[in-house]
Amino acid sequence: ISKNKIGLNKIGSLEADVIEIKTVP
């Protein structure tokens, strides 16, 4: 939490691969 903008990058993401695809009614 910062009141001042000093240009920091917001880092980090959780990743995974799509393992299944299906269509439902």
PDBML (XML) file of the C-alpha atoms, coordinates in Angstrom:
<?xml version="1.0" encoding="UTF-8" ?>
<PDBx:datablock datablockName="MODEL"
   xmlns:PDBx="http://pdbml.pdb.org/schema/pdbx-v50.xsd"
   xmlns:xsi="http://www.w3.org/2001/XMLSchema-instance"
   xsi:schemaLocation="http://pdbml.pdb.org/schema/pdbx-v50.xsd pdbx-v50.xsd">
   <PDBx:atom_siteCategory>
      <PDBx:atom_site id="1">
         <PDBx:B_iso_or_equiv>0.00</PDBx:B_iso_or_equiv>
         <PDBx:Cartn_x>0.000</PDBx:Cartn_x>
         <PDBx:Cartn_y>0.000</PDBx:Cartn_y>
         <PDBx:Cartn_z>0.000</PDBx:Cartn_z>
         <PDBx:auth_asym_id>A</PDBx:auth_asym_id>
         <PDBx:auth_atom_id>CA</PDBx:auth_atom_id>
         <PDBx:auth_comp_id>ILE</PDBx:auth_comp_id>
         <PDBx:auth_seq_id>1</PDBx:auth_seq_id>
         <PDBx:group_PDB>ATOM</PDBx:group_PDB>
         <PDBx:label_alt_id xsi:nil="true" />
         <PDBx:label_asym_id>A</PDBx:label_asym_id>
         <PDBx:label_atom_id>CA</PDBx:label_atom_id>
         <PDBx:label_comp_id>ILE</PDBx:label_comp_id>
         <PDBx:label_entity_id>1</PDBx:label_entity_id>
         <PDBx:label_seq_id>1</PDBx:label_seq_id>
         <PDBx:occupancy>1.00</PDBx:occupancy>
         <PDBx:pdbx_PDB_model_num>1</PDBx:pdbx_PDB_model_num>
         <PDBx:type_symbol>C</PDBx:type_symbol>
      </PDBx:atom_site>
      <PDBx:atom_site id="2">
         <PDBx:B_iso_or_equiv>0.00</PDBx:B_iso_or_equiv>
         <PDBx:Cartn_x>1.550</PDBx:Cartn_x>
         <PDBx:Cartn_y>3.293</PDBx:Cartn_y>
         <PDBx:Cartn_z>-1.108</PDBx:Cartn_z>
         <PDBx:auth_asym_id>A</PDBx:auth_asym_id>
         <PDBx:auth_atom_id>CA</PDBx:auth_atom_id>
         <PDBx:auth_comp_id>SER</PDBx:auth_comp_id>
         <PDBx:auth_seq_id>2</PDBx:auth_seq_id>
         <PDBx:group_PDB>ATOM</PDBx:group_PDB>
         <PDBx:label_alt_id xsi:nil="true" />
         <PDBx:label_asym_id>A</PDBx:label_asym_id>
         <PDBx:label_atom_id>CA</PDBx:label_atom_id>
         <PDBx:label_comp_id>SER</PDBx:label_comp_id>
         <PDBx:label_entity_id>1</PDBx:label_entity_id>
         <PDBx:label_seq_id>2</PDBx:label_seq_id>
         <PDBx:occupancy>1.00</PDBx:occupancy>
         <PDBx:pdbx_PDB_model_num>1</PDBx:pdbx_PDB_model_num>
         <PDBx:type_symbol>C</PDBx:type_symbol>
      </PDBx:atom_site>
      <PDBx:atom_site id="3">
         <PDBx:B_iso_or_equiv>0.00</PDBx:B_iso_or_equiv>
         <PDBx:Cartn_x>0.232</PDBx:Cartn_x>
         <PDBx:Cartn_y>6.831</PDBx:Cartn_y>
         <PDBx:Cartn_z>-1.377</PDBx:Cartn_z>
         <PDBx:auth_asym_id>A</PDBx:auth_asym_id>
         <PDBx:auth_atom_id>CA</PDBx:auth_atom_id>
         <PDBx:auth_comp_id>LYS</PDBx:auth_comp_id>
         <PDBx:auth_seq_id>3</PDBx:auth_seq_id>
         <PDBx:group_PDB>ATOM</PDBx:group_PDB>
         <PDBx:label_alt_id xsi:nil="true" />
         <PDBx:label_asym_id>A</PDBx:label_asym_id>
         <PDBx:label_atom_id>CA</PDBx:label_atom_id>
         <PDBx:label_comp_id>LYS</PDBx:label_comp_id>
         <PDBx:label_entity_id>1</PDBx:label_entity_id>
         <PDBx:label_seq_id>3</PDBx:label_seq_id>
         <PDBx:occupancy>1.00</PDBx:occupancy>
         <PDBx:pdbx_PDB_model_num>1</PDBx:pdbx_PDB_model_num>
         <PDBx:type_symbol>C</PDBx:type_symbol>
      </PDBx:atom_site>
      <PDBx:atom_site id="4">
         <PDBx:B_iso_or_equiv>0.00</PDBx:B_iso_or_equiv>
         <PDBx:Cartn_x>3.077</PDBx:Cartn_x>
         <PDBx:Cartn_y>7.787</PDBx:Cartn_y>
         <PDBx:Cartn_z>-3.702</PDBx:Cartn_z>
         <PDBx:auth_asym_id>A</PDBx:auth_asym_id>
         <PDBx:auth_atom_id>CA</PDBx:auth_atom_id>
         <PDBx:auth_comp_id>ASN</PDBx:auth_comp_id>
         <PDBx:auth_seq_id>4</PDBx:auth_seq_id>
         <PDBx:group_PDB>ATOM</PDBx:group_PDB>
         <PDBx:label_alt_id xsi:nil="true" />
         <PDBx:label_asym_id>A</PDBx:label_asym_id>
         <PDBx:label_atom_id>CA</PDBx:label_atom_id>
         <PDBx:label_comp_id>ASN</PDBx:label_comp_id>
         <PDBx:label_entity_id>1</PDBx:label_entity_id>
         <PDBx:label_seq_id>4</PDBx:label_seq_id>
         <PDBx:occupancy>1.00</PDBx:occupancy>
         <PDBx:pdbx_PDB_model_num>1</PDBx:pdbx_PDB_model_num>
         <PDBx:type_symbol>C</PDBx:type_symbol>
      </PDBx:atom_site>
      <PDBx:atom_site id="5">
         <PDBx:B_iso_or_equiv>0.00</PDBx:B_iso_or_equiv>
         <PDBx:Cartn_x>3.574</PDBx:Cartn_x>
         <PDBx:Cartn_y>6.501</PDBx:Cartn_y>
         <PDBx:Cartn_z>-7.218</PDBx:Cartn_z>
         <PDBx:auth_asym_id>A</PDBx:auth_asym_id>
         <PDBx:auth_atom_id>CA</PDBx:auth_atom_id>
         <PDBx:auth_comp_id>LYS</PDBx:auth_comp_id>
         <PDBx:auth_seq_id>5</PDBx:auth_seq_id>
         <PDBx:group_PDB>ATOM</PDBx:group_PDB>
         <PDBx:label_alt_id xsi:nil="true" />
         <PDBx:label_asym_id>A</PDBx:label_asym_id>
         <PDBx:label_atom_id>CA</PDBx:label_atom_id>
         <PDBx:label_comp_id>LYS</PDBx:label_comp_id>
         <PDBx:label_entity_id>1</PDBx:label_entity_id>
         <PDBx:label_seq_id>5</PDBx:label_seq_id>
         <PDBx:occupancy>1.00</PDBx:occupancy>
         <PDBx:pdbx_PDB_model_num>1</PDBx:pdbx_PDB_model_num>
         <PDBx:type_symbol>C</PDBx:type_symbol>
      </PDBx:atom_site>
      <PDBx:atom_site id="6">
         <PDBx:B_iso_or_equiv>0.00</PDBx:B_iso_or_equiv>
         <PDBx:Cartn_x>7.241</PDBx:Cartn_x>
         <PDBx:Cartn_y>5.638</PDBx:Cartn_y>
         <PDBx:Cartn_z>-7.756</PDBx:Cartn_z>
         <PDBx:auth_asym_id>A</PDBx:auth_asym_id>
         <PDBx:auth_atom_id>CA</PDBx:auth_atom_id>
         <PDBx:auth_comp_id>ILE</PDBx:auth_comp_id>
         <PDBx:auth_seq_id>6</PDBx:auth_seq_id>
         <PDBx:group_PDB>ATOM</PDBx:group_PDB>
         <PDBx:label_alt_id xsi:nil="true" />
         <PDBx:label_asym_id>A</PDBx:label_asym_id>
         <PDBx:label_atom_id>CA</PDBx:label_atom_id>
         <PDBx:label_comp_id>ILE</PDBx:label_comp_id>
         <PDBx:label_entity_id>1</PDBx:label_entity_id>
         <PDBx:label_seq_id>6</PDBx:label_seq_id>
         <PDBx:occupancy>1.00</PDBx:occupancy>
         <PDBx:pdbx_PDB_model_num>1</PDBx:pdbx_PDB_model_num>
         <PDBx:type_symbol>C</PDBx:type_symbol>
      </PDBx:atom_site>
      <PDBx:atom_site id="7">
         <PDBx:B_iso_or_equiv>0.00</PDBx:B_iso_or_equiv>
         <PDBx:Cartn_x>6.837</PDBx:Cartn_x>
         <PDBx:Cartn_y>3.249</PDBx:Cartn_y>
         <PDBx:Cartn_z>-10.662</PDBx:Cartn_z>
         <PDBx:auth_asym_id>A</PDBx:auth_asym_id>
         <PDBx:auth_atom_id>CA</PDBx:auth_atom_id>
         <PDBx:auth_comp_id>GLY</PDBx:auth_comp_id>
         <PDBx:auth_seq_id>7</PDBx:auth_seq_id>
         <PDBx:group_PDB>ATOM</PDBx:group_PDB>
         <PDBx:label_alt_id xsi:nil="true" />
         <PDBx:label_asym_id>A</PDBx:label_asym_id>
         <PDBx:label_atom_id>CA</PDBx:label_atom_id>
         <PDBx:label_comp_id>GLY</PDBx:label_comp_id>
         <PDBx:label_entity_id>1</PDBx:label_entity_id>
         <PDBx:label_seq_id>7</PDBx:label_seq_id>
         <PDBx:occupancy>1.00</PDBx:occupancy>
         <PDBx:pdbx_PDB_model_num>1</PDBx:pdbx_PDB_model_num>
         <PDBx:type_symbol>C</PDBx:type_symbol>
      </PDBx:atom_site>
      <PDBx:atom_site id="8">
         <PDBx:B_iso_or_equiv>0.00</PDBx:B_iso_or_equiv>
         <PDBx:Cartn_x>7.105</PDBx:Cartn_x>
         <PDBx:Cartn_y>-0.138</PDBx:Cartn_y>
         <PDBx:Cartn_z>-8.987</PDBx:Cartn_z>
         <PDBx:auth_asym_id>A</PDBx:auth_asym_id>
         <PDBx:auth_atom_id>CA</PDBx:auth_atom_id>
         <PDBx:auth_comp_id>LEU</PDBx:auth_comp_id>
         <PDBx:auth_seq_id>8</PDBx:auth_seq_id>
         <PDBx:group_PDB>ATOM</PDBx:group_PDB>
         <PDBx:label_alt_id xsi:nil="true" />
         <PDBx:label_asym_id>A</PDBx:label_asym_id>
         <PDBx:label_atom_id>CA</PDBx:label_atom_id>
         <PDBx:label_comp_id>LEU</PDBx:label_comp_id>
         <PDBx:label_entity_id>1</PDBx:label_entity_id>
         <PDBx:label_seq_id>8</PDBx:label_seq_id>
         <PDBx:occupancy>1.00</PDBx:occupancy>
         <PDBx:pdbx_PDB_model_num>1</PDBx:pdbx_PDB_model_num>
         <PDBx:type_symbol>C</PDBx:type_symbol>
      </PDBx:atom_site>
      <PDBx:atom_site id="9">
         <PDBx:B_iso_or_equiv>0.00</PDBx:B_iso_or_equiv>
         <PDBx:Cartn_x>6.072</PDBx:Cartn_x>
         <PDBx:Cartn_y>-3.160</PDBx:Cartn_y>
         <PDBx:Cartn_z>-11.040</PDBx:Cartn_z>
         <PDBx:auth_asym_id>A</PDBx:auth_asym_id>
         <PDBx:auth_atom_id>CA</PDBx:auth_atom_id>
         <PDBx:auth_comp_id>ASN</PDBx:auth_comp_id>
         <PDBx:auth_seq_id>9</PDBx:auth_seq_id>
         <PDBx:group_PDB>ATOM</PDBx:group_PDB>
         <PDBx:label_alt_id xsi:nil="true" />
         <PDBx:label_asym_id>A</PDBx:label_asym_id>
         <PDBx:label_atom_id>CA</PDBx:label_atom_id>
         <PDBx:label_comp_id>ASN</PDBx:label_comp_id>
         <PDBx:label_entity_id>1</PDBx:label_entity_id>
         <PDBx:label_seq_id>9</PDBx:label_seq_id>
         <PDBx:occupancy>1.00</PDBx:occupancy>
         <PDBx:pdbx_PDB_model_num>1</PDBx:pdbx_PDB_model_num>
         <PDBx:type_symbol>C</PDBx:type_symbol>
      </PDBx:atom_site>
      <PDBx:atom_site id="10">
         <PDBx:B_iso_or_equiv>0.00</PDBx:B_iso_or_equiv>
         <PDBx:Cartn_x>3.389</PDBx:Cartn_x>
         <PDBx:Cartn_y>-5.379</PDBx:Cartn_y>
         <PDBx:Cartn_z>-9.533</PDBx:Cartn_z>
         <PDBx:auth_asym_id>A</PDBx:auth_asym_id>
         <PDBx:auth_atom_id>CA</PDBx:auth_atom_id>
         <PDBx:auth_comp_id>LYS</PDBx:auth_comp_id>
         <PDBx:auth_seq_id>10</PDBx:auth_seq_id>
         <PDBx:group_PDB>ATOM</PDBx:group_PDB>
         <PDBx:label_alt_id xsi:nil="true" />
         <PDBx:label_asym_id>A</PDBx:label_asym_id>
         <PDBx:label_atom_id>CA</PDBx:label_atom_id>
         <PDBx:label_comp_id>LYS</PDBx:label_comp_id>
         <PDBx:label_entity_id>1</PDBx:label_entity_id>
         <PDBx:label_seq_id>10</PDBx:label_seq_id>
         <PDBx:occupancy>1.00</PDBx:occupancy>
         <PDBx:pdbx_PDB_model_num>1</PDBx:pdbx_PDB_model_num>
         <PDBx:type_symbol>C</PDBx:type_symbol>
      </PDBx:atom_site>
      <PDBx:atom_site id="11">
         <PDBx:B_iso_or_equiv>0.00</PDBx:B_iso_or_equiv>
         <PDBx:Cartn_x>5.035</PDBx:Cartn_x>
         <PDBx:Cartn_y>-8.764</PDBx:Cartn_y>
         <PDBx:Cartn_z>-9.904</PDBx:Cartn_z>
         <PDBx:auth_asym_id>A</PDBx:auth_asym_id>
         <PDBx:auth_atom_id>CA</PDBx:auth_atom_id>
         <PDBx:auth_comp_id>ILE</PDBx:auth_comp_id>
         <PDBx:auth_seq_id>11</PDBx:auth_seq_id>
         <PDBx:group_PDB>ATOM</PDBx:group_PDB>
         <PDBx:label_alt_id xsi:nil="true" />
         <PDBx:label_asym_id>A</PDBx:label_asym_id>
         <PDBx:label_atom_id>CA</PDBx:label_atom_id>
         <PDBx:label_comp_id>ILE</PDBx:label_comp_id>
         <PDBx:label_entity_id>1</PDBx:label_entity_id>
         <PDBx:label_seq_id>11</PDBx:label_seq_id>
         <PDBx:occupancy>1.00</PDBx:occupancy>
         <PDBx:pdbx_PDB_model_num>1</PDBx:pdbx_PDB_model_num>
         <PDBx:type_symbol>C</PDBx:type_symbol>
      </PDBx:atom_site>
      <PDBx:atom_site id="12">
         <PDBx:B_iso_or_equiv>0.00</PDBx:B_iso_or_equiv>
         <PDBx:Cartn_x>3.915</PDBx:Cartn_x>
         <PDBx:Cartn_y>-12.374</PDBx:Cartn_y>
         <PDBx:Cartn_z>-9.853</PDBx:Cartn_z>
         <PDBx:auth_asym_id>A</PDBx:auth_asym_id>
         <PDBx:auth_atom_id>CA</PDBx:auth_atom_id>
         <PDBx:auth_comp_id>GLY</PDBx:auth_comp_id>
         <PDBx:auth_seq_id>12</PDBx:auth_seq_id>
         <PDBx:group_PDB>ATOM</PDBx:group_PDB>
         <PDBx:label_alt_id xsi:nil="true" />
         <PDBx:label_asym_id>A</PDBx:label_asym_id>
         <PDBx:label_atom_id>CA</PDBx:label_atom_id>
         <PDBx:label_comp_id>GLY</PDBx:label_comp_id>
         <PDBx:label_entity_id>1</PDBx:label_entity_id>
         <PDBx:label_seq_id>12</PDBx:label_seq_id>
         <PDBx:occupancy>1.00</PDBx:occupancy>
         <PDBx:pdbx_PDB_model_num>1</PDBx:pdbx_PDB_model_num>
         <PDBx:type_symbol>C</PDBx:type_symbol>
      </PDBx:atom_site>
      <PDBx:atom_site id="13">
         <PDBx:B_iso_or_equiv>0.00</PDBx:B_iso_or_equiv>
         <PDBx:Cartn_x>1.238</PDBx:Cartn_x>
         <PDBx:Cartn_y>-14.548</PDBx:Cartn_y>
         <PDBx:Cartn_z>-11.418</PDBx:Cartn_z>
         <PDBx:auth_asym_id>A</PDBx:auth_asym_id>
         <PDBx:auth_atom_id>CA</PDBx:auth_atom_id>
         <PDBx:auth_comp_id>SER</PDBx:auth_comp_id>
         <PDBx:auth_seq_id>13</PDBx:auth_seq_id>
         <PDBx:group_PDB>ATOM</PDBx:group_PDB>
         <PDBx:label_alt_id xsi:nil="true" />
         <PDBx:label_asym_id>A</PDBx:label_asym_id>
         <PDBx:label_atom_id>CA</PDBx:label_atom_id>
         <PDBx:label_comp_id>SER</PDBx:label_comp_id>
         <PDBx:label_entity_id>1</PDBx:label_entity_id>
         <PDBx:label_seq_id>13</PDBx:label_seq_id>
         <PDBx:occupancy>1.00</PDBx:occupancy>
         <PDBx:pdbx_PDB_model_num>1</PDBx:pdbx_PDB_model_num>
         <PDBx:type_symbol>C</PDBx:type_symbol>
      </PDBx:atom_site>
      <PDBx:atom_site id="14">
         <PDBx:B_iso_or_equiv>0.00</PDBx:B_iso_or_equiv>
         <PDBx:Cartn_x>-0.021</PDBx:Cartn_x>
         <PDBx:Cartn_y>-18.069</PDBx:Cartn_y>
         <PDBx:Cartn_z>-10.787</PDBx:Cartn_z>
         <PDBx:auth_asym_id>A</PDBx:auth_asym_id>
         <PDBx:auth_atom_id>CA</PDBx:auth_atom_id>
         <PDBx:auth_comp_id>LEU</PDBx:auth_comp_id>
         <PDBx:auth_seq_id>14</PDBx:auth_seq_id>
         <PDBx:group_PDB>ATOM</PDBx:group_PDB>
         <PDBx:label_alt_id xsi:nil="true" />
         <PDBx:label_asym_id>A</PDBx:label_asym_id>
         <PDBx:label_atom_id>CA</PDBx:label_atom_id>
         <PDBx:label_comp_id>LEU</PDBx:label_comp_id>
         <PDBx:label_entity_id>1</PDBx:label_entity_id>
         <PDBx:label_seq_id>14</PDBx:label_seq_id>
         <PDBx:occupancy>1.00</PDBx:occupancy>
         <PDBx:pdbx_PDB_model_num>1</PDBx:pdbx_PDB_model_num>
         <PDBx:type_symbol>C</PDBx:type_symbol>
      </PDBx:atom_site>
      <PDBx:atom_site id="15">
         <PDBx:B_iso_or_equiv>0.00</PDBx:B_iso_or_equiv>
         <PDBx:Cartn_x>-0.003</PDBx:Cartn_x>
         <PDBx:Cartn_y>-20.120</PDBx:Cartn_y>
         <PDBx:Cartn_z>-13.988</PDBx:Cartn_z>
         <PDBx:auth_asym_id>A</PDBx:auth_asym_id>
         <PDBx:auth_atom_id>CA</PDBx:auth_atom_id>
         <PDBx:auth_comp_id>GLU</PDBx:auth_comp_id>
         <PDBx:auth_seq_id>15</PDBx:auth_seq_id>
         <PDBx:group_PDB>ATOM</PDBx:group_PDB>
         <PDBx:label_alt_id xsi:nil="true" />
         <PDBx:label_asym_id>A</PDBx:label_asym_id>
         <PDBx:label_atom_id>CA</PDBx:label_atom_id>
         <PDBx:label_comp_id>GLU</PDBx:label_comp_id>
         <PDBx:label_entity_id>1</PDBx:label_entity_id>
         <PDBx:label_seq_id>15</PDBx:label_seq_id>
         <PDBx:occupancy>1.00</PDBx:occupancy>
         <PDBx:pdbx_PDB_model_num>1</PDBx:pdbx_PDB_model_num>
         <PDBx:type_symbol>C</PDBx:type_symbol>
      </PDBx:atom_site>
      <PDBx:atom_site id="16">
         <PDBx:B_iso_or_equiv>0.00</PDBx:B_iso_or_equiv>
         <PDBx:Cartn_x>-1.201</PDBx:Cartn_x>
         <PDBx:Cartn_y>-23.507</PDBx:Cartn_y>
         <PDBx:Cartn_z>-15.189</PDBx:Cartn_z>
         <PDBx:auth_asym_id>A</PDBx:auth_asym_id>
         <PDBx:auth_atom_id>CA</PDBx:auth_atom_id>
         <PDBx:auth_comp_id>ALA</PDBx:auth_comp_id>
         <PDBx:auth_seq_id>16</PDBx:auth_seq_id>
         <PDBx:group_PDB>ATOM</PDBx:group_PDB>
         <PDBx:label_alt_id xsi:nil="true" />
         <PDBx:label_asym_id>A</PDBx:label_asym_id>
         <PDBx:label_atom_id>CA</PDBx:label_atom_id>
         <PDBx:label_comp_id>ALA</PDBx:label_comp_id>
         <PDBx:label_entity_id>1</PDBx:label_entity_id>
         <PDBx:label_seq_id>16</PDBx:label_seq_id>
         <PDBx:occupancy>1.00</PDBx:occupancy>
         <PDBx:pdbx_PDB_model_num>1</PDBx:pdbx_PDB_model_num>
         <PDBx:type_symbol>C</PDBx:type_symbol>
      </PDBx:atom_site>
      <PDBx:atom_site id="17">
         <PDBx:B_iso_or_equiv>0.00</PDBx:B_iso_or_equiv>
         <PDBx:Cartn_x>-2.067</PDBx:Cartn_x>
         <PDBx:Cartn_y>-25.074</PDBx:Cartn_y>
         <PDBx:Cartn_z>-18.528</PDBx:Cartn_z>
         <PDBx:auth_asym_id>A</PDBx:auth_asym_id>
         <PDBx:auth_atom_id>CA</PDBx:auth_atom_id>
         <PDBx:auth_comp_id>ASP</PDBx:auth_comp_id>
         <PDBx:auth_seq_id>17</PDBx:auth_seq_id>
         <PDBx:group_PDB>ATOM</PDBx:group_PDB>
         <PDBx:label_alt_id xsi:nil="true" />
         <PDBx:label_asym_id>A</PDBx:label_asym_id>
         <PDBx:label_atom_id>CA</PDBx:label_atom_id>
         <PDBx:label_comp_id>ASP</PDBx:label_comp_id>
         <PDBx:label_entity_id>1</PDBx:label_entity_id>
         <PDBx:label_seq_id>17</PDBx:label_seq_id>
         <PDBx:occupancy>1.00</PDBx:occupancy>
         <PDBx:pdbx_PDB_model_num>1</PDBx:pdbx_PDB_model_num>
         <PDBx:type_symbol>C</PDBx:type_symbol>
      </PDBx:atom_site>
      <PDBx:atom_site id="18">
         <PDBx:B_iso_or_equiv>0.00</PDBx:B_iso_or_equiv>
         <PDBx:Cartn_x>-5.607</PDBx:Cartn_x>
         <PDBx:Cartn_y>-25.771</PDBx:Cartn_y>
         <PDBx:Cartn_z>-19.712</PDBx:Cartn_z>
         <PDBx:auth_asym_id>A</PDBx:auth_asym_id>
         <PDBx:auth_atom_id>CA</PDBx:auth_atom_id>
         <PDBx:auth_comp_id>VAL</PDBx:auth_comp_id>
         <PDBx:auth_seq_id>18</PDBx:auth_seq_id>
         <PDBx:group_PDB>ATOM</PDBx:group_PDB>
         <PDBx:label_alt_id xsi:nil="true" />
         <PDBx:label_asym_id>A</PDBx:label_asym_id>
         <PDBx:label_atom_id>CA</PDBx:label_atom_id>
         <PDBx:label_comp_id>VAL</PDBx:label_comp_id>
         <PDBx:label_entity_id>1</PDBx:label_entity_id>
         <PDBx:label_seq_id>18</PDBx:label_seq_id>
         <PDBx:occupancy>1.00</PDBx:occupancy>
         <PDBx:pdbx_PDB_model_num>1</PDBx:pdbx_PDB_model_num>
         <PDBx:type_symbol>C</PDBx:type_symbol>
      </PDBx:atom_site>
      <PDBx:atom_site id="19">
         <PDBx:B_iso_or_equiv>0.00</PDBx:B_iso_or_equiv>
         <PDBx:Cartn_x>-5.983</PDBx:Cartn_x>
         <PDBx:Cartn_y>-29.558</PDBx:Cartn_y>
         <PDBx:Cartn_z>-19.321</PDBx:Cartn_z>
         <PDBx:auth_asym_id>A</PDBx:auth_asym_id>
         <PDBx:auth_atom_id>CA</PDBx:auth_atom_id>
         <PDBx:auth_comp_id>ILE</PDBx:auth_comp_id>
         <PDBx:auth_seq_id>19</PDBx:auth_seq_id>
         <PDBx:group_PDB>ATOM</PDBx:group_PDB>
         <PDBx:label_alt_id xsi:nil="true" />
         <PDBx:label_asym_id>A</PDBx:label_asym_id>
         <PDBx:label_atom_id>CA</PDBx:label_atom_id>
         <PDBx:label_comp_id>ILE</PDBx:label_comp_id>
         <PDBx:label_entity_id>1</PDBx:label_entity_id>
         <PDBx:label_seq_id>19</PDBx:label_seq_id>
         <PDBx:occupancy>1.00</PDBx:occupancy>
         <PDBx:pdbx_PDB_model_num>1</PDBx:pdbx_PDB_model_num>
         <PDBx:type_symbol>C</PDBx:type_symbol>
      </PDBx:atom_site>
      <PDBx:atom_site id="20">
         <PDBx:B_iso_or_equiv>0.00</PDBx:B_iso_or_equiv>
         <PDBx:Cartn_x>-9.559</PDBx:Cartn_x>
         <PDBx:Cartn_y>-30.165</PDBx:Cartn_y>
         <PDBx:Cartn_z>-20.482</PDBx:Cartn_z>
         <PDBx:auth_asym_id>A</PDBx:auth_asym_id>
         <PDBx:auth_atom_id>CA</PDBx:auth_atom_id>
         <PDBx:auth_comp_id>GLU</PDBx:auth_comp_id>
         <PDBx:auth_seq_id>20</PDBx:auth_seq_id>
         <PDBx:group_PDB>ATOM</PDBx:group_PDB>
         <PDBx:label_alt_id xsi:nil="true" />
         <PDBx:label_asym_id>A</PDBx:label_asym_id>
         <PDBx:label_atom_id>CA</PDBx:label_atom_id>
         <PDBx:label_comp_id>GLU</PDBx:label_comp_id>
         <PDBx:label_entity_id>1</PDBx:label_entity_id>
         <PDBx:label_seq_id>20</PDBx:label_seq_id>
         <PDBx:occupancy>1.00</PDBx:occupancy>
         <PDBx:pdbx_PDB_model_num>1</PDBx:pdbx_PDB_model_num>
         <PDBx:type_symbol>C</PDBx:type_symbol>
      </PDBx:atom_site>
      <PDBx:atom_site id="21">
         <PDBx:B_iso_or_equiv>0.00</PDBx:B_iso_or_equiv>
         <PDBx:Cartn_x>-12.253</PDBx:Cartn_x>
         <PDBx:Cartn_y>-28.477</PDBx:Cartn_y>
         <PDBx:Cartn_z>-22.552</PDBx:Cartn_z>
         <PDBx:auth_asym_id>A</PDBx:auth_asym_id>
         <PDBx:auth_atom_id>CA</PDBx:auth_atom_id>
         <PDBx:auth_comp_id>ILE</PDBx:auth_comp_id>
         <PDBx:auth_seq_id>21</PDBx:auth_seq_id>
         <PDBx:group_PDB>ATOM</PDBx:group_PDB>
         <PDBx:label_alt_id xsi:nil="true" />
         <PDBx:label_asym_id>A</PDBx:label_asym_id>
         <PDBx:label_atom_id>CA</PDBx:label_atom_id>
         <PDBx:label_comp_id>ILE</PDBx:label_comp_id>
         <PDBx:label_entity_id>1</PDBx:label_entity_id>
         <PDBx:label_seq_id>21</PDBx:label_seq_id>
         <PDBx:occupancy>1.00</PDBx:occupancy>
         <PDBx:pdbx_PDB_model_num>1</PDBx:pdbx_PDB_model_num>
         <PDBx:type_symbol>C</PDBx:type_symbol>
      </PDBx:atom_site>
      <PDBx:atom_site id="22">
         <PDBx:B_iso_or_equiv>0.00</PDBx:B_iso_or_equiv>
         <PDBx:Cartn_x>-15.926</PDBx:Cartn_x>
         <PDBx:Cartn_y>-29.460</PDBx:Cartn_y>
         <PDBx:Cartn_z>-22.641</PDBx:Cartn_z>
         <PDBx:auth_asym_id>A</PDBx:auth_asym_id>
         <PDBx:auth_atom_id>CA</PDBx:auth_atom_id>
         <PDBx:auth_comp_id>LYS</PDBx:auth_comp_id>
         <PDBx:auth_seq_id>22</PDBx:auth_seq_id>
         <PDBx:group_PDB>ATOM</PDBx:group_PDB>
         <PDBx:label_alt_id xsi:nil="true" />
         <PDBx:label_asym_id>A</PDBx:label_asym_id>
         <PDBx:label_atom_id>CA</PDBx:label_atom_id>
         <PDBx:label_comp_id>LYS</PDBx:label_comp_id>
         <PDBx:label_entity_id>1</PDBx:label_entity_id>
         <PDBx:label_seq_id>22</PDBx:label_seq_id>
         <PDBx:occupancy>1.00</PDBx:occupancy>
         <PDBx:pdbx_PDB_model_num>1</PDBx:pdbx_PDB_model_num>
         <PDBx:type_symbol>C</PDBx:type_symbol>
      </PDBx:atom_site>
      <PDBx:atom_site id="23">
         <PDBx:B_iso_or_equiv>0.00</PDBx:B_iso_or_equiv>
         <PDBx:Cartn_x>-19.280</PDBx:Cartn_x>
         <PDBx:Cartn_y>-28.049</PDBx:Cartn_y>
         <PDBx:Cartn_z>-23.698</PDBx:Cartn_z>
         <PDBx:auth_asym_id>A</PDBx:auth_asym_id>
         <PDBx:auth_atom_id>CA</PDBx:auth_atom_id>
         <PDBx:auth_comp_id>THR</PDBx:auth_comp_id>
         <PDBx:auth_seq_id>23</PDBx:auth_seq_id>
         <PDBx:group_PDB>ATOM</PDBx:group_PDB>
         <PDBx:label_alt_id xsi:nil="true" />
         <PDBx:label_asym_id>A</PDBx:label_asym_id>
         <PDBx:label_atom_id>CA</PDBx:label_atom_id>
         <PDBx:label_comp_id>THR</PDBx:label_comp_id>
         <PDBx:label_entity_id>1</PDBx:label_entity_id>
         <PDBx:label_seq_id>23</PDBx:label_seq_id>
         <PDBx:occupancy>1.00</PDBx:occupancy>
         <PDBx:pdbx_PDB_model_num>1</PDBx:pdbx_PDB_model_num>
         <PDBx:type_symbol>C</PDBx:type_symbol>
      </PDBx:atom_site>
      <PDBx:atom_site id="24">
         <PDBx:B_iso_or_equiv>0.00</PDBx:B_iso_or_equiv>
         <PDBx:Cartn_x>-22.328</PDBx:Cartn_x>
         <PDBx:Cartn_y>-28.265</PDBx:Cartn_y>
         <PDBx:Cartn_z>-21.431</PDBx:Cartn_z>
         <PDBx:auth_asym_id>A</PDBx:auth_asym_id>
         <PDBx:auth_atom_id>CA</PDBx:auth_atom_id>
         <PDBx:auth_comp_id>VAL</PDBx:auth_comp_id>
         <PDBx:auth_seq_id>24</PDBx:auth_seq_id>
         <PDBx:group_PDB>ATOM</PDBx:group_PDB>
         <PDBx:label_alt_id xsi:nil="true" />
         <PDBx:label_asym_id>A</PDBx:label_asym_id>
         <PDBx:label_atom_id>CA</PDBx:label_atom_id>
         <PDBx:label_comp_id>VAL</PDBx:label_comp_id>
         <PDBx:label_entity_id>1</PDBx:label_entity_id>
         <PDBx:label_seq_id>24</PDBx:label_seq_id>
         <PDBx:occupancy>1.00</PDBx:occupancy>
         <PDBx:pdbx_PDB_model_num>1</PDBx:pdbx_PDB_model_num>
         <PDBx:type_symbol>C</PDBx:type_symbol>
      </PDBx:atom_site>
      <PDBx:atom_site id="25">
         <PDBx:B_iso_or_equiv>0.00</PDBx:B_iso_or_equiv>
         <PDBx:Cartn_x>-25.986</PDBx:Cartn_x>
         <PDBx:Cartn_y>-27.403</PDBx:Cartn_y>
         <PDBx:Cartn_z>-22.166</PDBx:Cartn_z>
         <PDBx:auth_asym_id>A</PDBx:auth_asym_id>
         <PDBx:auth_atom_id>CA</PDBx:auth_atom_id>
         <PDBx:auth_comp_id>PRO</PDBx:auth_comp_id>
         <PDBx:auth_seq_id>25</PDBx:auth_seq_id>
         <PDBx:group_PDB>ATOM</PDBx:group_PDB>
         <PDBx:label_alt_id xsi:nil="true" />
         <PDBx:label_asym_id>A</PDBx:label_asym_id>
         <PDBx:label_atom_id>CA</PDBx:label_atom_id>
         <PDBx:label_comp_id>PRO</PDBx:label_comp_id>
         <PDBx:label_entity_id>1</PDBx:label_entity_id>
         <PDBx:label_seq_id>25</PDBx:label_seq_id>
         <PDBx:occupancy>1.00</PDBx:occupancy>
         <PDBx:pdbx_PDB_model_num>1</PDBx:pdbx_PDB_model_num>
         <PDBx:type_symbol>C</PDBx:type_symbol>
      </PDBx:atom_site>
   </PDBx:atom_siteCategory>
</PDBx:datablock>
